Amino acid sequence: MSLELLVPVEKETLLVMSFLPKQVLGNKIQLHTHSSGLPELKGLNVALVGLQDYRNSFFPNTQYDVNAFRKEFYALYPGNWTLNIADLGDLPNGSTVQDTYYAIKEIGYHLKQMNIVPIFIGGSHDMIFPLYQVYQDFKQLVNMVSVDRSFDFSQEDELISGRSYMSRIIMDKPNILFNYTNIGFQNYYCAIEEKDLMNKLYFDGCRLGEVLDNVASTEPIFRDADIVGMDLKCLSWQATADPLKGQPNGIDSRTICALSRYAGISDRVSFLGIYEIPSTPMTDQLLSQIVWYFLEGYALRFDEYPVAVNQGFLKYTVPLSNQTLVFYKSEKSQRWWLELTNDSHLNNKSKKATLLACTEKDYQSATHDNVPERWYNAVRRMH
C-alpha cells in the first residue's frame, strides 16, 4: 500500500518541538517519526501529507520544503477543537509522475474510505488529478473548487494540453465531473478560449475583485465542493512578502485564510490540496495559518450533508414571473439552499431534485424576480 511509502518527519524538524510549550499543535497531533512509525489511522479526522513532485508544473518553481511549514505549524496553538490530527510525513516522488499520481490516488482512496480528510501540501497543481480519480473509483459525481489566478485549461497555445490538470480531468473517462468553480481568477491570466470553454461547460467562476469585495459570497461554493485545490500563485506579493517574484494583484493573507475556513466548515469537502507554494519565510507562516483555519472550520462542521430538508429546515416558495423557486433554510446552521428540479429525465446524469447551496441574499434577490447565475448553470448541467 502507498501509505507505507510515506517518509517520516525529519528529526531536525522534531527537535524544534523540544523548545515549544506543551500546549502547541506539534505536541497535540500524532506524528510519523522514525522511532514511532506511522500513526494509527483509526479515529483520525484530518491527516497531513507532504508532496514534492513539480515535474509537470508549467511554471518555474523552486522546490518547497514542507518541513519549513511544519516548523511554523507545530508552534501554533490549537483552537477549541476535539479533533484527532496526524502528520503522516512526506510522499517521495515516484520514478515517473504517473507513479506519484498512483500513490496519491491510493492514499486518497484509503483515507476517504476511513472518513479521514487529507490535506496534501506541496507539489504542482496537477497533483489534484489523482484525487479526482479517487471519485471515479467510488463512481460518484464530483464538484471541484480551485482557488487560482487562472483556469488551467490551456497552455502552450493549445486549448487542451496534457500538461493542464483541468484538461486532463475533462478528457478523462469516465467523466464524473459535475461542476468546476474557479475562485479568484484574474482576466489577464485567462485566454478567451478558456472563458468560452467555461461557459460552454456551464462551469462557474468568481473574479478576484468579487472575492476581495465579499469573501462570504464564496461560502456556498465550498459547501457544494468535494475537492478543493489552492494554487498559491493566486496570492499577492504582500501575502508572500516577495516583491521581486510576486505579483501586484492577488488574494491577500486574510482572505486566503477565510477561504480555507469555508473549505473546512463544508460538510462535503473530502480533500484539500495546497500547491505551487512560494519559498519565502512569510509563506511558511501564512501556509501554517491557512491549514489552521481549515482545521478551525472542520471543527465547526454542522453535519448537514447529505441535506435532509424534511427535518429541521424551513421551506420558502418564491413565485417568479416564469417559474417558482423553492428555498430551504437550516434552523441549525442558518444556511440556505435552493432546490434544483430536473424536469427532463432523458440522458441525464442526475434524475431527481437536488439542492444548490446559496445565501440569504439569493433568496432576497429571488423575491425581486432575479435568479442566481449559479442556478442557471446548475440546471443546464443537469440536462
Protein backbone atom coordinates (compact mmCIF):
# COMPACT_ATOMS: atom_id res chain seq x y z
CA MET A 1 0.00 0.00 0.00
CA SER A 2 1.22 3.52 -0.83
CA LEU A 3 0.85 4.62 2.80
CA GLU A 4 3.93 2.52 3.51
CA LEU A 5 5.91 4.74 1.13
CA LEU A 6 5.43 7.80 3.32
CA VAL A 7 8.68 9.15 4.78
CA PRO A 8 8.73 10.16 8.48
CA VAL A 9 9.04 13.78 9.54
CA GLU A 10 12.71 14.84 9.65
CA LYS A 11 14.40 14.58 13.04
CA GLU A 12 15.65 18.17 12.71
CA THR A 13 12.05 19.37 12.46
CA LEU A 14 11.08 17.40 15.56
CA LEU A 15 13.92 18.98 17.54
CA VAL A 16 12.16 22.33 17.30
CA MET A 17 9.35 21.00 19.49
CA SER A 18 11.64 20.50 22.46
CA PHE A 19 11.70 24.29 22.82
CA LEU A 20 7.93 24.75 22.44
CA PRO A 21 5.20 24.83 25.13
CA LYS A 22 3.36 21.55 25.65
CA GLN A 23 0.05 23.11 24.52
CA VAL A 24 1.11 23.74 20.89
CA LEU A 25 -0.13 21.69 17.95
CA GLY A 26 3.17 19.89 17.47
CA ASN A 27 2.68 18.30 20.88
CA LYS A 28 -1.02 17.62 20.36
CA ILE A 29 -1.12 15.84 17.00
CA GLN A 30 0.15 12.39 16.09
CA LEU A 31 3.38 12.34 14.11
CA HIS A 32 5.00 9.87 11.73
CA THR A 33 8.51 9.61 13.17
CA HIS A 34 11.44 7.25 12.67
CA SER A 35 11.03 5.92 16.20
CA SER A 36 7.24 5.52 16.44
CA GLY A 37 6.38 4.76 12.82
CA LEU A 38 3.15 5.61 11.02
CA PRO A 39 0.36 6.72 13.41
CA GLU A 40 -2.76 4.63 13.89
CA LEU A 41 -5.29 5.84 11.31
CA LYS A 42 -8.43 4.64 13.04
CA GLY A 43 -10.25 7.52 14.68
CA LEU A 44 -8.40 10.27 12.79
CA ASN A 45 -10.31 13.26 11.42
CA VAL A 46 -7.61 15.02 9.40
CA ALA A 47 -4.21 13.90 8.08
CA LEU A 48 -1.38 15.99 6.63
CA VAL A 49 0.68 14.63 3.74
CA GLY A 50 3.66 16.43 2.20
CA LEU A 51 4.26 16.33 -1.58
CA GLN A 52 7.31 17.42 -3.59
CA ASP A 53 6.65 16.46 -7.22
CA TYR A 54 6.91 19.51 -9.53
CA ARG A 55 7.85 17.70 -12.73
CA ASN A 56 4.60 18.57 -14.52
CA SER A 57 4.47 22.15 -13.32
CA PHE A 58 4.08 24.54 -16.24
CA PHE A 59 5.64 27.34 -14.21
CA PRO A 60 9.23 27.62 -12.99
CA ASN A 61 9.06 26.73 -9.34
CA THR A 62 11.68 26.17 -6.68
CA GLN A 63 11.16 23.07 -4.59
CA TYR A 64 9.16 23.86 -1.47
CA ASP A 65 10.42 22.37 1.78
CA VAL A 66 7.32 21.14 3.62
CA ASN A 67 9.37 20.96 6.81
CA ALA A 68 9.60 24.76 6.76
CA PHE A 69 5.80 24.77 7.01
CA ARG A 70 5.88 22.17 9.79
CA LYS A 71 8.18 24.26 11.98
CA GLU A 72 5.66 27.11 11.84
CA PHE A 73 2.56 24.91 12.09
CA TYR A 74 3.77 22.88 15.06
CA ALA A 75 4.33 26.11 17.02
CA LEU A 76 0.69 27.27 16.69
CA TYR A 77 -1.82 26.73 19.47
CA PRO A 78 -4.96 24.72 18.61
CA GLY A 79 -8.42 26.21 18.83
CA ASN A 80 -11.18 24.81 21.00
CA TRP A 81 -11.19 21.62 18.94
CA THR A 82 -11.87 17.96 19.64
CA LEU A 83 -10.07 16.78 16.53
CA ASN A 84 -7.70 13.88 16.01
CA ILE A 85 -5.00 15.11 13.63
CA ALA A 86 -1.93 13.34 12.30
CA ASP A 87 1.06 14.34 10.20
CA LEU A 88 1.76 11.30 8.06
CA GLY A 89 5.03 12.65 6.68
CA ASP A 90 6.04 13.10 3.03
CA LEU A 91 5.37 11.09 -0.11
CA PRO A 92 8.61 10.72 -2.08
CA ASN A 93 8.48 11.22 -5.84
CA GLY A 94 7.80 8.14 -7.93
CA SER A 95 10.07 7.06 -10.77
CA THR A 96 7.61 8.87 -13.06
CA VAL A 97 4.89 11.43 -12.42
CA GLN A 98 2.37 8.68 -13.14
CA ASP A 99 3.82 6.69 -10.24
CA THR A 100 3.32 9.70 -7.97
CA TYR A 101 -0.26 10.04 -9.21
CA TYR A 102 -0.92 6.39 -8.46
CA ALA A 103 0.43 6.67 -4.92
CA ILE A 104 -1.63 9.82 -4.19
CA LYS A 105 -4.73 8.12 -5.55
CA GLU A 106 -4.15 5.05 -3.35
CA ILE A 107 -3.59 7.16 -0.26
CA GLY A 108 -6.61 9.34 -1.01
CA TYR A 109 -8.84 6.34 -1.63
CA HIS A 110 -7.82 4.63 1.60
CA LEU A 111 -8.26 7.76 3.73
CA LYS A 112 -11.63 8.56 2.15
CA GLN A 113 -12.78 5.03 2.93
CA MET A 114 -11.90 5.72 6.57
CA ASN A 115 -13.66 9.12 6.51
CA ILE A 116 -10.35 10.93 7.08
CA VAL A 117 -9.84 14.27 5.30
CA PRO A 118 -6.28 14.54 3.97
CA ILE A 119 -4.54 17.86 3.39
CA PHE A 120 -1.90 17.49 0.68
CA ILE A 121 0.78 20.17 0.93
CA GLY A 122 3.31 20.92 -1.82
CA GLY A 123 3.90 19.84 -5.39
CA SER A 124 2.40 21.27 -8.57
CA HIS A 125 -1.32 21.78 -9.11
CA ASP A 126 -1.67 18.73 -11.37
CA MET A 127 -1.29 16.63 -8.20
CA ILE A 128 -5.03 17.22 -7.76
CA PHE A 129 -5.75 14.96 -10.75
CA PRO A 130 -5.35 11.66 -8.79
CA LEU A 131 -7.78 12.99 -6.15
CA TYR A 132 -10.36 13.34 -8.92
CA GLN A 133 -9.61 9.75 -9.94
CA VAL A 134 -10.50 8.59 -6.42
CA TYR A 135 -14.10 9.59 -7.13
CA GLN A 136 -14.01 7.61 -10.38
CA ASP A 137 -13.35 4.50 -8.30
CA PHE A 138 -16.23 5.47 -5.99
CA LYS A 139 -18.42 6.01 -9.11
CA GLN A 140 -19.53 9.33 -7.65
CA LEU A 141 -20.14 12.69 -9.33
CA VAL A 142 -17.75 15.33 -8.04
CA ASN A 143 -17.64 19.10 -7.64
CA MET A 144 -14.19 20.70 -7.72
CA VAL A 145 -13.20 24.16 -6.49
CA SER A 146 -9.92 25.75 -7.45
CA VAL A 147 -8.57 28.88 -5.78
CA ASP A 148 -6.36 30.05 -8.62
CA ARG A 149 -5.50 33.08 -10.71
CA SER A 150 -6.19 31.15 -13.95
CA PHE A 151 -8.43 28.36 -15.26
CA ASP A 152 -5.60 25.91 -16.17
CA PHE A 153 -7.28 24.64 -19.34
CA SER A 154 -4.90 25.91 -22.00
CA GLN A 155 -1.14 26.03 -22.06
CA GLU A 156 1.41 26.32 -24.86
CA ASP A 157 -1.22 27.79 -27.21
CA GLU A 158 -3.36 24.64 -27.06
CA LEU A 159 -6.88 24.61 -25.70
CA ILE A 160 -6.42 21.06 -24.43
CA SER A 161 -2.98 20.18 -23.14
CA GLY A 162 -1.67 17.12 -21.34
CA ARG A 163 0.20 19.47 -19.00
CA SER A 164 -3.01 21.12 -17.81
CA TYR A 165 -4.67 19.31 -14.95
CA MET A 166 -8.16 20.60 -15.82
CA SER A 167 -7.74 19.47 -19.42
CA ARG A 168 -6.77 16.04 -18.14
CA ILE A 169 -9.84 15.95 -15.94
CA ILE A 170 -12.45 16.96 -18.54
CA MET A 171 -10.97 14.47 -21.03
CA ASP A 172 -10.59 11.56 -18.63
CA LYS A 173 -13.07 8.68 -18.80
CA PRO A 174 -15.41 8.04 -17.13
CA ASN A 175 -16.24 11.71 -16.78
CA ILE A 176 -17.69 12.25 -13.31
CA LEU A 177 -17.06 15.99 -13.06
CA PHE A 178 -20.40 17.68 -12.33
CA ASN A 179 -19.04 21.15 -11.70
CA TYR A 180 -15.80 23.08 -11.57
CA THR A 181 -15.62 26.51 -9.93
CA ASN A 182 -12.66 28.85 -10.07
CA ILE A 183 -12.32 31.34 -7.21
CA GLY A 184 -10.09 34.37 -7.65
CA PHE A 185 -9.33 34.24 -11.38
CA GLN A 186 -7.73 37.29 -12.98
CA ASN A 187 -8.88 38.07 -16.52
CA TYR A 188 -5.44 38.87 -17.91
CA TYR A 189 -4.23 35.35 -16.96
CA CYS A 190 -7.14 33.65 -18.79
CA ALA A 191 -7.37 33.13 -22.55
CA ILE A 192 -10.63 33.98 -24.33
CA GLU A 193 -10.81 30.33 -25.44
CA GLU A 194 -10.69 29.21 -21.82
CA LYS A 195 -13.53 31.56 -20.87
CA ASP A 196 -15.57 30.25 -23.81
CA LEU A 197 -14.95 26.68 -22.64
CA MET A 198 -16.03 27.58 -19.09
CA ASN A 199 -19.28 29.00 -20.49
CA LYS A 200 -19.82 26.04 -22.81
CA LEU A 201 -19.48 23.57 -19.94
CA TYR A 202 -21.60 25.77 -17.62
CA PHE A 203 -18.81 25.98 -15.07
CA ASP A 204 -18.72 28.79 -12.51
CA GLY A 205 -16.14 31.46 -11.79
CA CYS A 206 -15.66 34.17 -9.19
CA ARG A 207 -13.33 37.00 -10.16
CA LEU A 208 -10.59 38.26 -7.85
CA GLY A 209 -12.39 41.56 -7.26
CA GLU A 210 -15.60 39.79 -6.24
CA VAL A 211 -13.69 37.61 -3.78
CA LEU A 212 -11.88 40.54 -2.19
CA ASP A 213 -15.04 42.66 -2.01
CA ASN A 214 -17.22 39.96 -0.46
CA VAL A 215 -15.40 36.81 0.61
CA ALA A 216 -18.57 35.50 2.34
CA SER A 217 -20.19 35.06 -1.09
CA THR A 218 -17.85 32.09 -1.70
CA GLU A 219 -19.14 30.04 1.27
CA PRO A 220 -21.94 28.29 -0.70
CA ILE A 221 -19.41 27.35 -3.39
CA PHE A 222 -17.27 25.49 -0.85
CA ARG A 223 -20.39 23.99 0.74
CA ASP A 224 -21.07 22.15 -2.55
CA ALA A 225 -17.43 21.12 -3.11
CA ASP A 226 -15.90 17.65 -2.79
CA ILE A 227 -12.32 18.56 -3.73
CA VAL A 228 -10.64 21.90 -3.05
CA GLY A 229 -7.32 22.90 -4.58
CA MET A 230 -5.41 26.07 -3.73
CA ASP A 231 -2.71 27.28 -6.11
CA LEU A 232 -0.71 29.78 -4.07
CA LYS A 233 0.29 31.68 -7.20
CA CYS A 234 -3.10 33.31 -6.52
CA LEU A 235 -1.54 35.31 -3.67
CA SER A 236 -0.43 38.93 -3.91
CA TRP A 237 3.21 39.81 -3.30
CA GLN A 238 2.25 41.36 0.03
CA ALA A 239 0.90 38.00 1.21
CA THR A 240 4.14 36.20 0.38
CA ALA A 241 6.42 39.17 1.20
CA ASP A 242 8.14 38.68 -2.16
CA PRO A 243 8.13 41.94 -4.16
CA LEU A 244 10.68 40.59 -6.66
CA LYS A 245 8.93 37.39 -7.75
CA GLY A 246 5.39 38.07 -6.51
CA GLN A 247 2.53 39.63 -8.45
CA PRO A 248 0.95 43.06 -7.99
CA ASN A 249 -2.61 41.75 -7.68
CA GLY A 250 -3.88 38.69 -5.88
CA ILE A 251 -5.61 37.30 -2.82
CA ASP A 252 -4.41 38.77 0.46
CA SER A 253 -3.45 36.80 3.56
CA ARG A 254 -6.71 37.37 5.47
CA THR A 255 -8.87 36.36 2.51
CA ILE A 256 -7.00 33.12 1.78
CA CYS A 257 -7.43 32.13 5.44
CA ALA A 258 -11.16 32.90 5.24
CA LEU A 259 -11.46 30.76 2.10
CA SER A 260 -9.66 27.91 3.87
CA ARG A 261 -12.05 28.18 6.81
CA TYR A 262 -15.04 27.95 4.45
CA ALA A 263 -13.49 24.84 2.89
CA GLY A 264 -13.04 23.31 6.34
CA ILE A 265 -16.57 24.05 7.53
CA SER A 266 -18.07 22.42 4.43
CA ASP A 267 -19.54 19.05 5.42
CA ARG A 268 -18.85 17.82 1.90
CA VAL A 269 -15.15 18.62 1.32
CA SER A 270 -13.15 15.37 1.43
CA PHE A 271 -9.81 16.53 0.01
CA LEU A 272 -7.77 19.72 0.31
CA GLY A 273 -4.63 20.27 -1.73
CA ILE A 274 -2.33 23.30 -1.42
CA TYR A 275 0.06 23.56 -4.36
CA GLU A 276 2.62 25.76 -6.13
CA ILE A 277 3.87 27.16 -2.81
CA PRO A 278 6.39 30.03 -2.97
CA SER A 279 9.53 29.51 -0.89
CA THR A 280 9.58 32.53 1.42
CA PRO A 281 9.63 32.72 5.23
CA MET A 282 6.37 34.68 5.17
CA THR A 283 4.71 31.96 3.08
CA ASP A 284 5.79 29.35 5.65
CA GLN A 285 3.89 31.27 8.32
CA LEU A 286 0.90 32.01 6.10
CA LEU A 287 0.63 28.37 4.98
CA SER A 288 0.58 27.22 8.59
CA GLN A 289 -2.28 29.63 9.26
CA ILE A 290 -4.16 28.52 6.12
CA VAL A 291 -4.09 24.95 7.42
CA TRP A 292 -5.00 26.16 10.93
CA TYR A 293 -8.12 27.88 9.60
CA PHE A 294 -9.15 24.76 7.66
CA LEU A 295 -8.96 22.81 10.92
CA GLU A 296 -10.92 25.55 12.69
CA GLY A 297 -13.63 25.23 10.06
CA TYR A 298 -13.60 21.43 10.23
CA ALA A 299 -14.17 21.61 14.00
CA LEU A 300 -17.30 23.70 13.35
CA ARG A 301 -18.92 21.38 10.78
CA PHE A 302 -22.71 21.08 11.13
CA ASP A 303 -23.09 17.52 9.79
CA GLU A 304 -25.73 18.64 7.30
CA TYR A 305 -24.61 16.60 4.28
CA PRO A 306 -26.44 14.89 2.71
CA VAL A 307 -29.11 17.55 3.31
CA ALA A 308 -32.39 16.18 4.69
CA VAL A 309 -34.89 19.03 4.27
CA ASN A 310 -37.78 17.12 5.86
CA GLN A 311 -36.43 17.81 9.34
CA GLY A 312 -35.01 21.00 10.82
CA PHE A 313 -35.47 23.09 7.67
CA LEU A 314 -37.82 25.94 6.82
CA LYS A 315 -39.25 25.94 3.31
CA TYR A 316 -39.76 29.14 1.32
CA THR A 317 -41.61 29.10 -2.02
CA VAL A 318 -40.94 32.10 -4.26
CA PRO A 319 -43.17 32.60 -7.33
CA LEU A 320 -41.33 34.32 -10.19
CA SER A 321 -42.70 35.67 -13.45
CA ASN A 322 -41.88 32.47 -15.36
CA GLN A 323 -41.32 29.79 -12.70
CA THR A 324 -41.37 29.00 -8.99
CA LEU A 325 -38.25 28.58 -6.88
CA VAL A 326 -38.08 26.67 -3.62
CA PHE A 327 -35.58 27.66 -0.92
CA TYR A 328 -34.71 25.86 2.31
CA LYS A 329 -33.16 27.37 5.42
CA SER A 330 -31.48 25.26 8.09
CA GLU A 331 -32.68 26.04 11.59
CA LYS A 332 -29.41 24.58 12.90
CA SER A 333 -26.83 26.49 10.85
CA GLN A 334 -28.99 29.29 9.40
CA ARG A 335 -27.61 28.40 5.96
CA TRP A 336 -29.68 28.41 2.75
CA TRP A 337 -30.20 26.01 -0.17
CA LEU A 338 -32.07 26.33 -3.46
CA GLU A 339 -33.91 23.39 -4.99
CA LEU A 340 -32.94 22.24 -8.47
CA THR A 341 -35.61 20.24 -10.26
CA ASN A 342 -34.75 18.18 -13.32
CA ASP A 343 -37.90 18.01 -15.44
CA SER A 344 -36.42 16.02 -18.33
CA HIS A 345 -35.03 12.63 -17.29
CA LEU A 346 -33.69 11.55 -20.70
CA ASN A 347 -29.91 11.06 -20.79
CA ASN A 348 -29.41 12.96 -17.55
CA LYS A 349 -26.60 12.48 -15.06
CA SER A 350 -28.99 13.33 -12.27
CA LYS A 351 -32.56 12.01 -12.14
CA LYS A 352 -34.02 13.80 -9.16
CA ALA A 353 -34.39 17.11 -7.40
CA THR A 354 -31.16 18.23 -5.81
CA LEU A 355 -30.10 21.20 -3.71
CA LEU A 356 -27.74 24.02 -4.57
CA ALA A 357 -26.09 25.86 -1.68
CA CYS A 358 -26.89 29.56 -1.72
CA THR A 359 -27.15 32.63 0.51
CA GLU A 360 -29.98 34.56 2.07
CA LYS A 361 -29.13 37.31 -0.42
CA ASP A 362 -30.00 34.87 -3.24
CA TYR A 363 -33.39 34.34 -1.62
CA GLN A 364 -33.94 38.08 -1.26
CA SER A 365 -32.98 38.58 -4.92
CA ALA A 366 -35.45 35.90 -5.98
CA THR A 367 -38.26 37.78 -4.25
CA HIS A 368 -37.45 40.58 -6.71
CA ASP A 369 -37.64 38.21 -9.69
CA ASN A 370 -33.86 37.72 -10.01
CA VAL A 371 -32.41 34.21 -10.31
CA PRO A 372 -28.76 33.46 -9.32
CA GLU A 373 -26.46 32.67 -12.25
CA ARG A 374 -25.18 29.58 -10.42
CA TRP A 375 -28.76 28.24 -10.50
CA TYR A 376 -28.94 28.65 -14.29
CA ASN A 377 -25.61 26.89 -14.79
CA ALA A 378 -26.56 24.06 -12.44
CA VAL A 379 -29.89 23.45 -14.23
CA ARG A 380 -28.14 23.40 -17.61
CA ARG A 381 -25.56 20.89 -16.34
CA MET A 382 -28.40 18.59 -15.26
CA HIS A 383 -29.78 18.42 -18.81
